[in-house]
Amino acid sequence: MYFTTSKSDRDRLFACNRESALVWNHCLSLSRQHYVDNGKWITKSELQKVTKGKFHLHSQSIQAVCHKYLFARDTAHQAIQKGRKTARYPYRNKNHFNTKWAKDGFKIHANEKIELSMGIHDGKREKPIVLYTRNFPKGMIKEIELCYDYGLYLSIAFEDGKENQPYQKKQSVGVDLGEIHSLAAFAETGEAIIITGRKVRSIHRLRNKKVAEIQRLQSKCKKGSRQWKKYQKAKRYVLSKSEKQLQDALHKTTKQFVDWCVNQAVSNVHIGNPEGVQRKTRQKKRATRKQAQRLSNWSFGKVKKYLLYKLAMKGMRLHPIDESYTSQTCPVCKKRKKVSSRNYRCSCGYQEHRDTHGARNILAKSLYGEIYHLDVSTKQTYLRIA
């Protein structure tokens, strides 16, 4: 959400994000030193204690940065425990970091005026930062976060008062995520849907092309020069715009799927987990440069994230399932076969669209514990993102 404010308060907002970066950098150095001295990580209470009152921010804003650092550290630790060699603990210092206000850190007035508290310093309460917005969300405001993307804006977390629909056991559906087709699904009744991912792929291709052109020109400039900075700004603009386009396309994709599930009276969505496909492909040295780029552009994590809360709102549950060999195994004769075309054909006579075939096997695996032939005819719907 965008806002208006005075020039002095705008400068103070930029100063807040710089101060939040100092809190992040301080968390990094404290954590490293604590580990060297004690052989273990600093705890949440210890970190909050040593950072309290040391920065020119509201106390809850300081705590929010500490919590983000701890979350990043714990997430990296879990990834390392799972064997991910590319995972690293937080280590980079920052120049800017989003500032968050929660609970008593802000006040909302009737005329869409917002006051962001700066806390108490040297025994005196700091003058709040005043903002004015339009179309403020109706509901209980939980948090306000100051973000930057070619301009400052507010990210607001609020409760709209709507409750998720109650869960009622109905039919199940299997979902196969893909790079060419973002999503393919098969229901117990034989109804199937394929939602193309061509728009997402085109956005990725254009982004990669533009960024490569800018980097090629930038490589001829001296780093830090005026022209180098212009190219850097242009690159950030391309990345920012493409990210918004991708987010819009993925939201449309997941909304179409959820609407289809509602029409099919679905209660349980069993989704294949393709995590590790890119990593395993690289390890086996089978991916060409083009394939590696396509796999790196695959946004299956965001699709799952969007589906999780959208399905819950409609009273449906999302169940991840191991999708190993579901795209290769024939459900009739159980033979494995890799196909390069969009259709799966087996010597036993079975044939199906490759993505629908994967969704079929995922559904069978979730219902029967193994790949099993579902004796229903396929009634397929193909959707394209506008």
Protein backbone atom coordinates (compact mmCIF):
# COMPACT_ATOMS: atom_id res chain seq x y z
CA MET A 1 0.00 0.00 0.00
CA TYR A 2 1.38 3.37 -1.03
CA PHE A 3 1.12 6.51 1.12
CA THR A 4 1.87 10.22 1.31
CA THR A 5 3.92 12.00 3.96
CA SER A 6 6.08 15.05 4.50
CA LYS A 7 9.63 15.20 3.18
CA SER A 8 11.08 15.16 6.69
CA ASP A 9 9.08 12.05 7.64
CA ARG A 10 10.04 10.36 4.37
CA ASP A 11 13.69 10.92 5.26
CA ARG A 12 13.00 9.45 8.69
CA LEU A 13 11.45 6.35 7.08
CA PHE A 14 14.58 5.77 5.02
CA ALA A 15 16.59 6.26 8.23
CA CYS A 16 14.43 3.57 9.90
CA ASN A 17 15.37 1.01 7.27
CA ARG A 18 19.04 1.93 7.61
CA GLU A 19 18.77 1.56 11.39
CA SER A 20 17.05 -1.82 11.00
CA ALA A 21 20.01 -2.91 8.86
CA LEU A 22 22.31 -1.98 11.74
CA VAL A 23 20.23 -4.18 14.04
CA TRP A 24 20.58 -7.09 11.58
CA ASN A 25 24.34 -6.59 11.29
CA HIS A 26 24.61 -6.43 15.09
CA CYS A 27 22.69 -9.73 15.37
CA LEU A 28 25.15 -11.35 12.98
CA SER A 29 28.24 -10.20 14.88
CA LEU A 30 26.74 -11.04 18.30
CA SER A 31 25.75 -14.52 17.16
CA ARG A 32 29.18 -15.26 15.69
CA GLN A 33 31.01 -14.03 18.78
CA HIS A 34 28.67 -15.92 21.11
CA TYR A 35 29.28 -19.14 19.17
CA VAL A 36 33.08 -18.64 19.31
CA ASP A 37 33.02 -17.97 23.06
CA ASN A 38 30.46 -20.57 24.14
CA GLY A 39 30.30 -23.15 21.35
CA LYS A 40 26.54 -22.69 20.91
CA TRP A 41 24.14 -20.25 19.30
CA ILE A 42 22.76 -17.25 21.16
CA THR A 43 19.16 -17.72 22.33
CA LYS A 44 16.17 -15.54 21.56
CA SER A 45 15.98 -14.02 25.05
CA GLU A 46 19.72 -13.31 25.14
CA LEU A 47 19.64 -11.65 21.73
CA GLN A 48 16.66 -9.44 22.62
CA LYS A 49 18.32 -8.46 25.90
CA VAL A 50 21.61 -7.29 24.37
CA THR A 51 19.89 -5.35 21.53
CA LYS A 52 17.22 -3.66 23.66
CA GLY A 53 17.48 0.14 23.70
CA LYS A 54 20.66 0.27 21.61
CA PHE A 55 19.04 1.50 18.39
CA HIS A 56 16.93 4.47 17.39
CA LEU A 57 13.76 2.45 16.79
CA HIS A 58 10.68 1.27 18.64
CA SER A 59 11.50 -1.71 20.88
CA GLN A 60 9.11 -3.98 18.96
CA SER A 61 10.76 -2.98 15.67
CA ILE A 62 14.12 -4.07 17.08
CA GLN A 63 12.63 -7.36 18.28
CA ALA A 64 11.13 -7.97 14.82
CA VAL A 65 14.59 -7.82 13.21
CA CYS A 66 15.95 -10.21 15.86
CA HIS A 67 13.11 -12.63 15.16
CA LYS A 68 13.81 -12.52 11.42
CA TYR A 69 17.46 -13.29 12.04
CA LEU A 70 16.60 -16.23 14.32
CA PHE A 71 14.09 -17.57 11.78
CA ALA A 72 16.68 -17.36 8.98
CA ARG A 73 19.27 -19.11 11.18
CA ASP A 74 16.90 -21.92 12.21
CA THR A 75 15.70 -22.43 8.63
CA ALA A 76 19.28 -22.70 7.40
CA HIS A 77 20.06 -25.18 10.19
CA GLN A 78 17.13 -27.40 9.18
CA ALA A 79 18.24 -27.30 5.54
CA ILE A 80 21.79 -28.26 6.50
CA GLN A 81 20.47 -31.14 8.62
CA LYS A 82 18.60 -32.40 5.54
CA GLY A 83 21.87 -32.49 3.62
CA ARG A 84 21.53 -29.42 1.40
CA LYS A 85 25.08 -28.45 0.54
CA THR A 86 24.10 -24.99 -0.78
CA ALA A 87 22.44 -23.93 2.50
CA ARG A 88 24.29 -21.32 4.57
CA TYR A 89 23.69 -19.56 7.84
CA PRO A 90 22.98 -15.80 7.59
CA TYR A 91 26.28 -14.01 7.07
CA ARG A 92 25.80 -10.95 4.85
CA ASN A 93 25.71 -7.45 6.29
CA LYS A 94 22.96 -5.20 4.95
CA ASN A 95 22.65 -1.50 4.20
CA HIS A 96 18.83 -1.47 4.32
CA PHE A 97 16.33 -3.74 6.04
CA ASN A 98 12.53 -3.62 6.30
CA THR A 99 11.22 -2.04 9.50
CA LYS A 100 8.19 -3.55 11.18
CA TRP A 101 5.74 -2.07 13.70
CA ALA A 102 3.45 -4.38 15.70
CA LYS A 103 0.82 -4.10 18.45
CA ASP A 104 1.55 -0.84 20.29
CA GLY A 105 3.98 0.43 17.66
CA PHE A 106 1.38 2.26 15.57
CA LYS A 107 -1.94 4.11 15.77
CA ILE A 108 -4.68 4.21 13.15
CA HIS A 109 -6.95 7.27 12.96
CA ALA A 110 -10.37 7.62 11.34
CA ASN A 111 -9.13 9.88 8.52
CA GLU A 112 -6.75 7.12 7.29
CA LYS A 113 -3.89 8.73 9.16
CA ILE A 114 -1.21 6.42 10.56
CA GLU A 115 1.24 7.25 13.34
CA LEU A 116 4.33 5.05 13.55
CA SER A 117 5.96 5.15 16.96
CA MET A 118 9.72 5.65 17.28
CA GLY A 119 9.81 4.68 20.97
CA ILE A 120 11.38 6.38 23.96
CA HIS A 121 15.01 7.53 23.85
CA ASP A 122 16.94 9.30 26.62
CA GLY A 123 13.79 9.36 28.75
CA LYS A 124 11.78 11.24 26.12
CA ARG A 125 9.19 9.90 23.71
CA GLU A 126 10.17 10.45 20.11
CA LYS A 127 7.83 12.27 17.75
CA PRO A 128 5.93 9.68 15.67
CA ILE A 129 6.12 9.42 11.88
CA VAL A 130 2.82 10.48 10.28
CA LEU A 131 1.53 8.88 7.06
CA TYR A 132 -1.69 9.21 5.05
CA THR A 133 -3.15 6.38 2.97
CA ARG A 134 -6.20 5.57 0.85
CA ASN A 135 -8.40 2.47 0.79
CA PHE A 136 -7.06 1.27 4.12
CA PRO A 137 -8.03 -2.40 4.73
CA LYS A 138 -10.99 -2.98 7.02
CA GLY A 139 -10.24 -5.33 9.86
CA MET A 140 -7.93 -5.76 12.81
CA ILE A 141 -4.45 -4.53 11.84
CA LYS A 142 -1.75 -6.86 13.20
CA GLU A 143 1.50 -5.52 11.72
CA ILE A 144 2.77 -2.75 9.46
CA GLU A 145 6.04 -3.29 7.60
CA LEU A 146 7.94 -0.61 5.71
CA CYS A 147 9.25 -2.00 2.40
CA TYR A 148 11.03 -0.59 -0.63
CA ASP A 149 10.62 -1.44 -4.30
CA TYR A 150 11.35 1.60 -6.46
CA GLY A 151 9.65 3.61 -3.75
CA LEU A 152 8.54 3.12 -0.16
CA TYR A 153 5.31 1.25 0.51
CA LEU A 154 3.56 -0.44 3.44
CA SER A 155 2.91 -4.15 3.78
CA ILE A 156 -0.04 -4.56 6.14
CA ALA A 157 -1.06 -7.77 7.89
CA PHE A 158 -4.67 -7.73 9.08
CA GLU A 159 -7.58 -9.98 10.03
CA ASP A 160 -10.60 -9.52 7.79
CA GLY A 161 -12.89 -11.42 10.14
CA LYS A 162 -13.60 -14.17 7.61
CA GLU A 163 -13.33 -17.71 8.90
CA ASN A 164 -12.24 -20.70 6.85
CA GLN A 165 -15.04 -22.99 5.75
CA PRO A 166 -15.32 -26.21 7.81
CA TYR A 167 -13.74 -29.38 6.44
CA GLN A 168 -16.14 -32.01 5.10
CA LYS A 169 -14.82 -35.25 3.63
CA LYS A 170 -15.61 -35.45 -0.07
CA GLN A 171 -13.58 -36.64 -3.04
CA SER A 172 -9.79 -36.42 -3.47
CA VAL A 173 -7.65 -35.06 -6.27
CA GLY A 174 -4.03 -35.64 -7.28
CA VAL A 175 -1.87 -32.74 -8.47
CA ASP A 176 1.30 -32.85 -10.54
CA LEU A 177 3.32 -29.62 -10.65
CA GLY A 178 5.29 -28.92 -13.80
CA GLU A 179 7.47 -26.37 -15.56
CA ILE A 180 5.67 -26.39 -18.93
CA HIS A 181 2.21 -26.81 -17.41
CA SER A 182 2.15 -25.15 -14.00
CA LEU A 183 -0.44 -27.51 -12.64
CA ALA A 184 -2.21 -30.71 -13.72
CA ALA A 185 -4.87 -32.38 -11.58
CA PHE A 186 -6.99 -35.53 -11.70
CA ALA A 187 -10.07 -36.21 -9.57
CA GLU A 188 -11.61 -39.54 -8.53
CA THR A 189 -14.53 -38.96 -10.92
CA GLY A 190 -12.17 -38.75 -13.90
CA GLU A 191 -12.38 -34.95 -14.22
CA ALA A 192 -8.96 -33.50 -15.05
CA ILE A 193 -7.56 -30.03 -15.50
CA ILE A 194 -4.32 -28.72 -16.99
CA ILE A 195 -3.30 -25.08 -16.44
CA THR A 196 -0.58 -23.94 -18.79
CA GLY A 197 2.58 -22.30 -17.47
CA ARG A 198 3.55 -20.67 -20.76
CA LYS A 199 2.93 -17.15 -19.50
CA VAL A 200 5.19 -17.79 -16.51
CA ARG A 201 7.86 -19.21 -18.82
CA SER A 202 7.63 -16.22 -21.16
CA ILE A 203 8.08 -13.81 -18.25
CA HIS A 204 11.14 -15.75 -17.10
CA ARG A 205 12.62 -15.83 -20.60
CA LEU A 206 12.15 -12.09 -21.15
CA ARG A 207 13.59 -11.33 -17.72
CA ASN A 208 16.66 -13.49 -18.32
CA LYS A 209 17.18 -11.94 -21.76
CA LYS A 210 16.95 -8.35 -20.50
CA VAL A 211 19.17 -9.00 -17.48
CA ALA A 212 21.78 -10.69 -19.69
CA GLU A 213 21.80 -7.67 -22.04
CA ILE A 214 22.25 -5.26 -19.14
CA GLN A 215 25.00 -7.35 -17.55
CA ARG A 216 26.83 -7.55 -20.87
CA LEU A 217 26.88 -3.75 -21.12
CA GLN A 218 27.63 -3.35 -17.42
CA SER A 219 30.68 -5.63 -17.66
CA LYS A 220 32.31 -3.03 -19.96
CA CYS A 221 32.01 -0.30 -17.32
CA LYS A 222 34.15 0.36 -14.29
CA LYS A 223 32.42 -0.94 -11.17
CA GLY A 224 30.95 1.93 -9.15
CA SER A 225 31.04 4.43 -12.04
CA ARG A 226 28.03 6.54 -12.97
CA GLN A 227 27.20 4.42 -16.02
CA TRP A 228 27.65 1.20 -14.02
CA LYS A 229 25.13 2.48 -11.46
CA LYS A 230 22.64 3.31 -14.23
CA TYR A 231 22.83 -0.25 -15.52
CA GLN A 232 22.47 -1.56 -11.96
CA LYS A 233 19.33 0.53 -11.50
CA ALA A 234 17.93 -0.74 -14.81
CA LYS A 235 18.61 -4.33 -13.75
CA ARG A 236 16.77 -3.84 -10.46
CA TYR A 237 13.83 -2.37 -12.36
CA VAL A 238 13.59 -5.39 -14.69
CA LEU A 239 13.78 -7.82 -11.76
CA SER A 240 11.19 -5.90 -9.77
CA LYS A 241 8.72 -5.70 -12.67
CA SER A 242 9.08 -9.36 -13.61
CA GLU A 243 8.60 -10.43 -9.99
CA LYS A 244 5.24 -8.61 -9.86
CA GLN A 245 4.18 -10.17 -13.17
CA LEU A 246 5.12 -13.64 -11.92
CA GLN A 247 3.23 -13.15 -8.68
CA ASP A 248 0.12 -12.08 -10.60
CA ALA A 249 0.33 -15.08 -12.97
CA LEU A 250 0.78 -17.59 -10.12
CA HIS A 251 -2.13 -16.10 -8.16
CA LYS A 252 -4.35 -16.45 -11.24
CA THR A 253 -3.19 -20.03 -11.74
CA THR A 254 -3.91 -21.10 -8.17
CA LYS A 255 -7.26 -19.29 -8.10
CA GLN A 256 -8.40 -21.12 -11.24
CA PHE A 257 -7.44 -24.43 -9.68
CA VAL A 258 -9.19 -23.72 -6.37
CA ASP A 259 -12.36 -22.67 -8.22
CA TRP A 260 -12.21 -25.95 -10.16
CA CYS A 261 -11.83 -27.89 -6.90
CA VAL A 262 -14.91 -26.16 -5.49
CA ASN A 263 -16.93 -27.12 -8.58
CA GLN A 264 -15.72 -30.74 -8.29
CA ALA A 265 -16.60 -30.98 -4.56
CA VAL A 266 -13.01 -31.71 -3.55
CA SER A 267 -11.94 -31.94 0.10
CA ASN A 268 -8.41 -33.42 -0.10
CA VAL A 269 -5.71 -32.29 -2.51
CA HIS A 270 -2.69 -34.61 -2.76
CA ILE A 271 0.19 -32.73 -4.34
CA GLY A 272 3.45 -34.21 -5.57
CA ASN A 273 6.58 -32.84 -3.96
CA PRO A 274 9.16 -32.09 -6.72
CA GLU A 275 11.66 -30.56 -4.30
CA GLY A 276 15.18 -31.71 -5.09
CA VAL A 277 14.60 -32.32 -8.82
CA GLN A 278 16.94 -29.50 -9.80
CA ARG A 279 19.55 -30.49 -7.22
CA LYS A 280 19.54 -34.20 -8.18
CA THR A 281 19.66 -33.37 -11.89
CA ARG A 282 22.77 -31.28 -11.37
CA GLN A 283 24.40 -33.93 -9.21
CA LYS A 284 23.93 -36.55 -11.93
CA LYS A 285 25.29 -34.08 -14.53
CA ARG A 286 22.39 -34.63 -16.89
CA ALA A 287 21.16 -31.04 -17.10
CA THR A 288 22.29 -28.83 -19.93
CA ARG A 289 22.70 -25.12 -19.37
CA LYS A 290 19.23 -24.49 -20.83
CA GLN A 291 17.65 -27.20 -18.66
CA ALA A 292 19.36 -25.87 -15.53
CA GLN A 293 17.99 -22.39 -16.23
CA ARG A 294 14.47 -23.72 -16.74
CA LEU A 295 14.63 -25.71 -13.50
CA SER A 296 15.92 -22.69 -11.57
CA ASN A 297 12.95 -20.67 -12.88
CA TRP A 298 10.45 -23.25 -11.63
CA SER A 299 8.27 -21.58 -8.98
CA PHE A 300 6.69 -24.71 -7.46
CA GLY A 301 7.38 -23.47 -3.92
CA LYS A 302 5.24 -20.37 -4.44
CA VAL A 303 2.46 -22.40 -6.03
CA LYS A 304 2.31 -24.67 -2.97
CA LYS A 305 2.40 -21.66 -0.64
CA TYR A 306 -0.52 -19.97 -2.42
CA LEU A 307 -2.52 -23.20 -2.59
CA LEU A 308 -2.08 -23.90 1.12
CA TYR A 309 -4.07 -20.90 2.33
CA LYS A 310 -6.48 -20.64 -0.62
CA LEU A 311 -7.59 -24.24 -0.21
CA ALA A 312 -7.91 -23.82 3.57
CA MET A 313 -10.29 -20.89 3.03
CA LYS A 314 -12.60 -23.22 1.10
CA GLY A 315 -12.41 -26.01 3.69
CA MET A 316 -9.95 -28.18 1.76
CA ARG A 317 -6.71 -29.78 2.93
CA LEU A 318 -3.39 -29.99 1.12
CA HIS A 319 -1.34 -33.19 1.52
CA PRO A 320 2.22 -33.41 0.11
CA ILE A 321 3.20 -36.83 -1.24
CA ASP A 322 6.34 -38.37 -2.64
CA GLU A 323 6.00 -38.33 -6.43
CA SER A 324 8.92 -40.64 -7.26
CA TYR A 325 8.41 -42.41 -10.62
CA THR A 326 4.78 -41.31 -10.88
CA SER A 327 5.46 -39.78 -14.31
CA GLN A 328 7.39 -42.83 -15.56
CA THR A 329 5.39 -45.81 -14.29
CA CYS A 330 2.52 -47.33 -16.23
CA PRO A 331 -0.37 -47.95 -13.76
CA VAL A 332 -1.55 -51.00 -15.74
CA CYS A 333 1.60 -53.11 -16.28
CA LYS A 334 3.88 -51.24 -13.81
CA LYS A 335 6.65 -50.84 -16.40
CA ARG A 336 8.77 -47.68 -16.23
CA LYS A 337 9.27 -45.60 -19.31
CA LYS A 338 10.61 -42.10 -19.88
CA VAL A 339 8.81 -40.10 -22.54
CA SER A 340 9.95 -36.95 -24.32
CA SER A 341 6.59 -36.08 -25.89
CA ARG A 342 3.55 -34.62 -24.13
CA ASN A 343 1.72 -37.98 -24.22
CA TYR A 344 2.54 -41.12 -22.26
CA ARG A 345 2.11 -44.35 -24.25
CA CYS A 346 2.89 -47.84 -23.01
CA SER A 347 3.27 -51.09 -24.98
CA CYS A 348 0.38 -52.56 -23.00
CA GLY A 349 -2.02 -50.11 -24.68
CA TYR A 350 -2.35 -47.54 -21.88
CA GLN A 351 -2.03 -43.91 -22.96
CA GLU A 352 -2.65 -40.56 -21.33
CA HIS A 353 -1.45 -36.96 -21.41
CA ARG A 354 1.89 -36.99 -19.59
CA ASP A 355 0.94 -34.48 -16.89
CA THR A 356 -2.52 -35.96 -16.35
CA HIS A 357 -0.83 -39.38 -16.15
CA GLY A 358 1.40 -38.09 -13.33
CA ALA A 359 -1.58 -36.61 -11.49
CA ARG A 360 -3.45 -39.93 -11.88
CA ASN A 361 -0.60 -41.88 -10.31
CA ILE A 362 -0.20 -39.36 -7.48
CA LEU A 363 -3.89 -39.72 -6.66
CA ALA A 364 -3.68 -43.54 -6.78
CA LYS A 365 -0.55 -43.53 -4.61
CA SER A 366 -2.26 -41.35 -2.00
CA LEU A 367 -5.43 -43.50 -1.94
CA TYR A 368 -3.91 -47.02 -2.18
CA GLY A 369 -0.30 -46.54 -1.09
CA GLU A 370 1.01 -47.56 -4.51
CA ILE A 371 0.65 -46.76 -8.19
CA TYR A 372 -2.65 -48.31 -9.18
CA HIS A 373 -4.82 -48.12 -12.29
CA LEU A 374 -7.93 -46.01 -11.70
CA ASP A 375 -10.61 -47.45 -13.99
CA VAL A 376 -12.30 -44.17 -14.95
CA SER A 377 -12.18 -42.31 -18.24
CA THR A 378 -10.52 -38.91 -18.36
CA LYS A 379 -12.61 -35.79 -19.00
CA GLN A 380 -9.93 -33.14 -19.47
CA THR A 381 -10.12 -29.35 -19.29
CA TYR A 382 -7.28 -27.13 -20.53
CA LEU A 383 -6.95 -23.58 -19.18
CA ARG A 384 -4.66 -20.76 -20.25
CA ILE A 385 -3.64 -17.78 -18.10
CA ALA A 386 -4.73 -14.50 -19.71
